[in-house]
Amino acid sequence: MEGENAQVLIVDDQELNRTLFETLLREDGYRTRSVASGQAALKAVEADLPDLILLDLVMPGMGGIDVIQSLKAQEKSRAIPIVVRRGRRISSPSRWTDPSFAHGFATS
């Protein structure tokens, strides 16, 4: 995925995190969209498929795991690469890097 035309959907309930990732990705030439909830992520994907989703796992309401399960259940969005992130260390990282679930993980 090259930065020039690739679009990344950033999903995080923390505005500071969304702003940080948008800034970093845009500096590398990626187009970004960001949303603050799992429900908003599903609507954003339905409106315009991103090339990659950067997804916070822990959010109020619909969390990241629910978002992934919903996206993987739909043919239209099943193949979108998802990188999950969490503010703390992730236990059992092999689950998060299983391509049938997510394509990678990051902690901050």
N, C-alpha and C. Protein backbone atom coordinates (compact mmCIF):
# COMPACT_ATOMS: atom_id res chain seq x y z
N MET A 1 0.85 -1.17 0.00
CA MET A 1 0.00 0.00 0.00
C MET A 1 0.89 1.23 0.00
N GLU A 2 0.85 1.96 -1.07
CA GLU A 2 1.64 3.18 -1.19
C GLU A 2 0.85 4.37 -0.65
N GLY A 3 1.56 5.34 -0.09
CA GLY A 3 0.93 6.48 0.56
C GLY A 3 0.19 7.43 -0.35
N GLU A 4 0.57 7.53 -1.61
CA GLU A 4 0.02 8.59 -2.45
C GLU A 4 -1.49 8.57 -2.57
N ASN A 5 -2.08 7.42 -2.80
CA ASN A 5 -3.53 7.37 -2.97
C ASN A 5 -4.22 6.49 -1.95
N ALA A 6 -3.47 5.87 -1.08
CA ALA A 6 -4.06 4.96 -0.10
C ALA A 6 -4.80 5.75 0.98
N GLN A 7 -5.95 5.22 1.33
CA GLN A 7 -6.77 5.87 2.35
C GLN A 7 -6.81 5.01 3.62
N VAL A 8 -6.52 5.65 4.73
CA VAL A 8 -6.53 4.97 6.03
C VAL A 8 -7.68 5.52 6.86
N LEU A 9 -8.49 4.61 7.38
CA LEU A 9 -9.56 4.99 8.30
C LEU A 9 -9.03 4.79 9.72
N ILE A 10 -9.01 5.86 10.49
CA ILE A 10 -8.53 5.83 11.87
C ILE A 10 -9.75 5.80 12.78
N VAL A 11 -9.80 4.79 13.65
CA VAL A 11 -10.95 4.63 14.55
C VAL A 11 -10.42 4.65 15.98
N ASP A 12 -10.75 5.71 16.70
CA ASP A 12 -10.27 5.85 18.07
C ASP A 12 -11.19 6.83 18.80
N ASP A 13 -11.55 6.51 20.02
CA ASP A 13 -12.43 7.40 20.78
C ASP A 13 -11.69 8.60 21.36
N GLN A 14 -10.38 8.59 21.32
CA GLN A 14 -9.58 9.70 21.85
C GLN A 14 -9.18 10.65 20.71
N GLU A 15 -9.64 11.87 20.79
CA GLU A 15 -9.35 12.85 19.73
C GLU A 15 -7.86 13.06 19.53
N LEU A 16 -7.10 13.12 20.61
CA LEU A 16 -5.66 13.32 20.51
C LEU A 16 -5.00 12.21 19.69
N ASN A 17 -5.41 10.98 19.91
CA ASN A 17 -4.86 9.86 19.13
C ASN A 17 -5.22 9.99 17.66
N ARG A 18 -6.47 10.33 17.37
CA ARG A 18 -6.87 10.49 15.97
C ARG A 18 -6.05 11.57 15.29
N THR A 19 -5.88 12.68 15.96
CA THR A 19 -5.11 13.79 15.39
C THR A 19 -3.66 13.40 15.16
N LEU A 20 -3.07 12.70 16.12
CA LEU A 20 -1.69 12.26 15.99
C LEU A 20 -1.51 11.34 14.79
N PHE A 21 -2.35 10.32 14.67
CA PHE A 21 -2.22 9.38 13.56
C PHE A 21 -2.51 10.06 12.23
N GLU A 22 -3.50 10.94 12.19
CA GLU A 22 -3.78 11.68 10.95
C GLU A 22 -2.56 12.48 10.51
N THR A 23 -1.95 13.18 11.44
CA THR A 23 -0.78 14.01 11.12
C THR A 23 0.37 13.16 10.59
N LEU A 24 0.69 12.08 11.29
CA LEU A 24 1.80 11.22 10.88
C LEU A 24 1.55 10.58 9.52
N LEU A 25 0.34 10.09 9.31
CA LEU A 25 0.04 9.42 8.05
C LEU A 25 -0.02 10.40 6.88
N ARG A 26 -0.58 11.56 7.11
CA ARG A 26 -0.64 12.56 6.03
C ARG A 26 0.75 13.03 5.63
N GLU A 27 1.65 13.14 6.61
CA GLU A 27 3.03 13.53 6.30
C GLU A 27 3.69 12.51 5.37
N ASP A 28 3.25 11.26 5.45
CA ASP A 28 3.79 10.22 4.57
C ASP A 28 2.97 10.03 3.30
N GLY A 29 2.02 10.92 3.06
CA GLY A 29 1.27 10.91 1.81
C GLY A 29 -0.02 10.13 1.80
N TYR A 30 -0.44 9.61 2.93
CA TYR A 30 -1.71 8.88 2.99
C TYR A 30 -2.88 9.85 3.12
N ARG A 31 -4.00 9.46 2.54
CA ARG A 31 -5.25 10.18 2.78
C ARG A 31 -5.86 9.55 4.03
N THR A 32 -6.43 10.36 4.89
CA THR A 32 -7.01 9.82 6.12
C THR A 32 -8.43 10.30 6.33
N ARG A 33 -9.17 9.47 7.03
CA ARG A 33 -10.47 9.82 7.59
C ARG A 33 -10.42 9.31 9.01
N SER A 34 -11.12 9.95 9.90
CA SER A 34 -11.14 9.44 11.26
C SER A 34 -12.54 9.53 11.84
N VAL A 35 -12.83 8.56 12.71
CA VAL A 35 -14.10 8.51 13.41
C VAL A 35 -13.84 8.14 14.86
N ALA A 36 -14.82 8.45 15.72
CA ALA A 36 -14.62 8.31 17.16
C ALA A 36 -15.33 7.10 17.78
N SER A 37 -15.96 6.25 16.96
CA SER A 37 -16.68 5.12 17.55
C SER A 37 -16.74 3.95 16.58
N GLY A 38 -17.05 2.80 17.14
CA GLY A 38 -17.21 1.61 16.31
C GLY A 38 -18.35 1.73 15.33
N GLN A 39 -19.48 2.24 15.78
CA GLN A 39 -20.64 2.43 14.89
C GLN A 39 -20.29 3.37 13.74
N ALA A 40 -19.60 4.46 14.06
CA ALA A 40 -19.20 5.41 13.01
C ALA A 40 -18.23 4.76 12.03
N ALA A 41 -17.39 3.85 12.52
CA ALA A 41 -16.47 3.14 11.63
C ALA A 41 -17.23 2.30 10.61
N LEU A 42 -18.24 1.59 11.06
CA LEU A 42 -19.02 0.76 10.14
C LEU A 42 -19.72 1.62 9.09
N LYS A 43 -20.25 2.76 9.50
CA LYS A 43 -20.89 3.68 8.55
C LYS A 43 -19.87 4.23 7.56
N ALA A 44 -18.68 4.57 8.04
CA ALA A 44 -17.62 5.12 7.17
C ALA A 44 -17.19 4.09 6.13
N VAL A 45 -17.07 2.84 6.55
CA VAL A 45 -16.68 1.77 5.63
C VAL A 45 -17.77 1.54 4.60
N GLU A 46 -19.01 1.58 5.04
CA GLU A 46 -20.13 1.40 4.11
C GLU A 46 -20.16 2.50 3.05
N ALA A 47 -19.83 3.72 3.45
CA ALA A 47 -19.86 4.86 2.53
C ALA A 47 -18.69 4.84 1.55
N ASP A 48 -17.52 4.41 2.00
CA ASP A 48 -16.32 4.46 1.15
C ASP A 48 -15.27 3.52 1.73
N LEU A 49 -14.99 2.43 1.03
CA LEU A 49 -14.04 1.44 1.54
C LEU A 49 -12.63 2.03 1.66
N PRO A 50 -12.03 1.95 2.85
CA PRO A 50 -10.65 2.40 2.99
C PRO A 50 -9.69 1.30 2.54
N ASP A 51 -8.43 1.67 2.35
CA ASP A 51 -7.41 0.69 2.01
C ASP A 51 -6.86 -0.01 3.25
N LEU A 52 -7.00 0.64 4.40
CA LEU A 52 -6.51 0.11 5.67
C LEU A 52 -7.31 0.74 6.80
N ILE A 53 -7.52 -0.02 7.86
CA ILE A 53 -8.16 0.52 9.05
C ILE A 53 -7.19 0.42 10.22
N LEU A 54 -6.97 1.53 10.90
CA LEU A 54 -6.20 1.56 12.14
C LEU A 54 -7.23 1.67 13.25
N LEU A 55 -7.37 0.61 14.05
CA LEU A 55 -8.51 0.45 14.94
C LEU A 55 -8.11 0.30 16.39
N ASP A 56 -8.64 1.18 17.23
CA ASP A 56 -8.46 1.05 18.68
C ASP A 56 -9.36 -0.09 19.16
N LEU A 57 -8.83 -0.95 20.00
CA LEU A 57 -9.63 -2.07 20.50
C LEU A 57 -10.59 -1.68 21.60
N VAL A 58 -10.18 -0.74 22.44
CA VAL A 58 -10.97 -0.42 23.63
C VAL A 58 -11.65 0.93 23.44
N MET A 59 -12.95 0.89 23.19
CA MET A 59 -13.74 2.11 23.02
C MET A 59 -15.08 1.89 23.71
N PRO A 60 -15.72 2.96 24.17
CA PRO A 60 -17.06 2.82 24.74
C PRO A 60 -18.05 2.37 23.66
N GLY A 61 -19.08 1.70 24.08
CA GLY A 61 -20.07 1.23 23.11
C GLY A 61 -19.51 0.06 22.33
N MET A 62 -19.56 0.15 21.03
CA MET A 62 -19.05 -0.91 20.17
C MET A 62 -17.53 -0.86 20.13
N GLY A 63 -16.89 -1.85 20.69
CA GLY A 63 -15.43 -1.89 20.73
C GLY A 63 -14.83 -2.45 19.46
N GLY A 64 -13.52 -2.46 19.41
CA GLY A 64 -12.81 -2.88 18.22
C GLY A 64 -13.07 -4.31 17.80
N ILE A 65 -13.18 -5.22 18.75
CA ILE A 65 -13.43 -6.62 18.40
C ILE A 65 -14.78 -6.76 17.70
N ASP A 66 -15.79 -6.05 18.20
CA ASP A 66 -17.11 -6.09 17.56
C ASP A 66 -17.05 -5.50 16.15
N VAL A 67 -16.27 -4.45 15.98
CA VAL A 67 -16.11 -3.85 14.65
C VAL A 67 -15.48 -4.86 13.69
N ILE A 68 -14.42 -5.51 14.13
CA ILE A 68 -13.75 -6.49 13.28
C ILE A 68 -14.70 -7.61 12.90
N GLN A 69 -15.42 -8.14 13.86
CA GLN A 69 -16.35 -9.24 13.57
C GLN A 69 -17.41 -8.80 12.57
N SER A 70 -17.90 -7.60 12.71
CA SER A 70 -18.91 -7.09 11.78
C SER A 70 -18.34 -6.91 10.38
N LEU A 71 -17.13 -6.35 10.29
CA LEU A 71 -16.51 -6.15 8.99
C LEU A 71 -16.18 -7.48 8.30
N LYS A 72 -15.69 -8.44 9.07
CA LYS A 72 -15.33 -9.74 8.50
C LYS A 72 -16.55 -10.54 8.07
N ALA A 73 -17.71 -10.23 8.63
CA ALA A 73 -18.95 -10.94 8.29
C ALA A 73 -19.54 -10.45 6.97
N GLN A 74 -19.05 -9.33 6.45
CA GLN A 74 -19.60 -8.76 5.22
C GLN A 74 -18.61 -8.95 4.08
N GLU A 75 -19.10 -9.47 2.99
CA GLU A 75 -18.24 -9.71 1.82
C GLU A 75 -17.53 -8.44 1.37
N LYS A 76 -18.24 -7.34 1.36
CA LYS A 76 -17.70 -6.06 0.86
C LYS A 76 -16.46 -5.60 1.65
N SER A 77 -16.46 -5.85 2.96
CA SER A 77 -15.39 -5.31 3.81
C SER A 77 -14.43 -6.37 4.35
N ARG A 78 -14.66 -7.60 4.04
CA ARG A 78 -13.89 -8.71 4.60
C ARG A 78 -12.39 -8.60 4.34
N ALA A 79 -12.00 -8.12 3.19
CA ALA A 79 -10.58 -8.12 2.81
C ALA A 79 -9.81 -6.87 3.24
N ILE A 80 -10.46 -5.91 3.86
CA ILE A 80 -9.77 -4.69 4.27
C ILE A 80 -8.75 -5.04 5.36
N PRO A 81 -7.48 -4.70 5.16
CA PRO A 81 -6.49 -4.94 6.22
C PRO A 81 -6.81 -4.08 7.44
N ILE A 82 -6.66 -4.67 8.61
CA ILE A 82 -6.94 -3.97 9.87
C ILE A 82 -5.72 -4.11 10.77
N VAL A 83 -5.26 -2.98 11.27
CA VAL A 83 -4.20 -2.97 12.28
C VAL A 83 -4.87 -2.51 13.57
N VAL A 84 -4.82 -3.36 14.58
CA VAL A 84 -5.44 -3.02 15.85
C VAL A 84 -4.41 -2.35 16.76
N ARG A 85 -4.90 -1.45 17.60
CA ARG A 85 -4.01 -0.81 18.56
C ARG A 85 -4.71 -0.71 19.89
N ARG A 86 -3.87 -0.66 20.89
CA ARG A 86 -4.37 -0.54 22.26
C ARG A 86 -3.32 0.21 23.06
N GLY A 87 -3.77 1.01 24.00
CA GLY A 87 -2.87 1.82 24.78
C GLY A 87 -1.98 1.03 25.72
N ARG A 88 -2.35 -0.20 26.00
CA ARG A 88 -1.54 -1.04 26.89
C ARG A 88 -1.05 -2.26 26.13
N ARG A 89 -0.17 -2.99 26.77
CA ARG A 89 0.36 -4.21 26.17
C ARG A 89 -0.79 -5.17 25.84
N ILE A 90 -0.67 -5.81 24.71
CA ILE A 90 -1.69 -6.76 24.27
C ILE A 90 -1.26 -8.16 24.66
N SER A 91 -2.15 -8.86 25.35
CA SER A 91 -1.85 -10.26 25.67
C SER A 91 -2.17 -11.11 24.44
N SER A 92 -1.48 -12.19 24.29
CA SER A 92 -1.67 -13.12 23.16
C SER A 92 -1.62 -12.39 21.82
N PRO A 93 -0.50 -11.75 21.48
CA PRO A 93 -0.45 -11.01 20.22
C PRO A 93 -0.67 -11.85 18.99
N SER A 94 -0.47 -13.17 19.07
CA SER A 94 -0.68 -14.00 17.88
C SER A 94 -2.12 -13.93 17.39
N ARG A 95 -3.08 -13.77 18.30
CA ARG A 95 -4.48 -13.64 17.88
C ARG A 95 -4.67 -12.38 17.05
N TRP A 96 -4.03 -11.31 17.44
CA TRP A 96 -4.23 -10.03 16.76
C TRP A 96 -3.55 -9.99 15.40
N THR A 97 -2.58 -10.85 15.16
CA THR A 97 -1.89 -10.86 13.86
C THR A 97 -2.37 -11.99 12.97
N ASP A 98 -3.37 -12.73 13.37
CA ASP A 98 -3.97 -13.75 12.52
C ASP A 98 -4.71 -13.02 11.41
N PRO A 99 -4.31 -13.21 10.14
CA PRO A 99 -4.94 -12.46 9.04
C PRO A 99 -6.45 -12.63 8.95
N SER A 100 -7.00 -13.69 9.52
CA SER A 100 -8.45 -13.83 9.48
C SER A 100 -9.10 -12.88 10.49
N PHE A 101 -8.30 -12.33 11.40
CA PHE A 101 -8.82 -11.40 12.40
C PHE A 101 -8.29 -9.99 12.17
N ALA A 102 -6.99 -9.83 12.20
CA ALA A 102 -6.35 -8.53 11.97
C ALA A 102 -4.98 -8.76 11.34
N HIS A 103 -4.45 -7.75 10.71
CA HIS A 103 -3.17 -7.87 10.01
C HIS A 103 -1.99 -7.42 10.83
N GLY A 104 -2.22 -6.90 12.00
CA GLY A 104 -1.13 -6.46 12.85
C GLY A 104 -1.66 -5.78 14.08
N PHE A 105 -0.74 -5.46 14.99
CA PHE A 105 -1.15 -4.75 16.19
C PHE A 105 -0.06 -3.75 16.57
N ALA A 106 -0.48 -2.76 17.31
CA ALA A 106 0.45 -1.73 17.80
C ALA A 106 0.01 -1.34 19.20
N THR A 107 0.97 -1.01 20.04
CA THR A 107 0.66 -0.49 21.36
C THR A 107 1.28 0.89 21.48
N SER A 108 0.71 1.68 22.36
CA SER A 108 1.29 3.01 22.55
C SER A 108 1.61 3.22 24.01
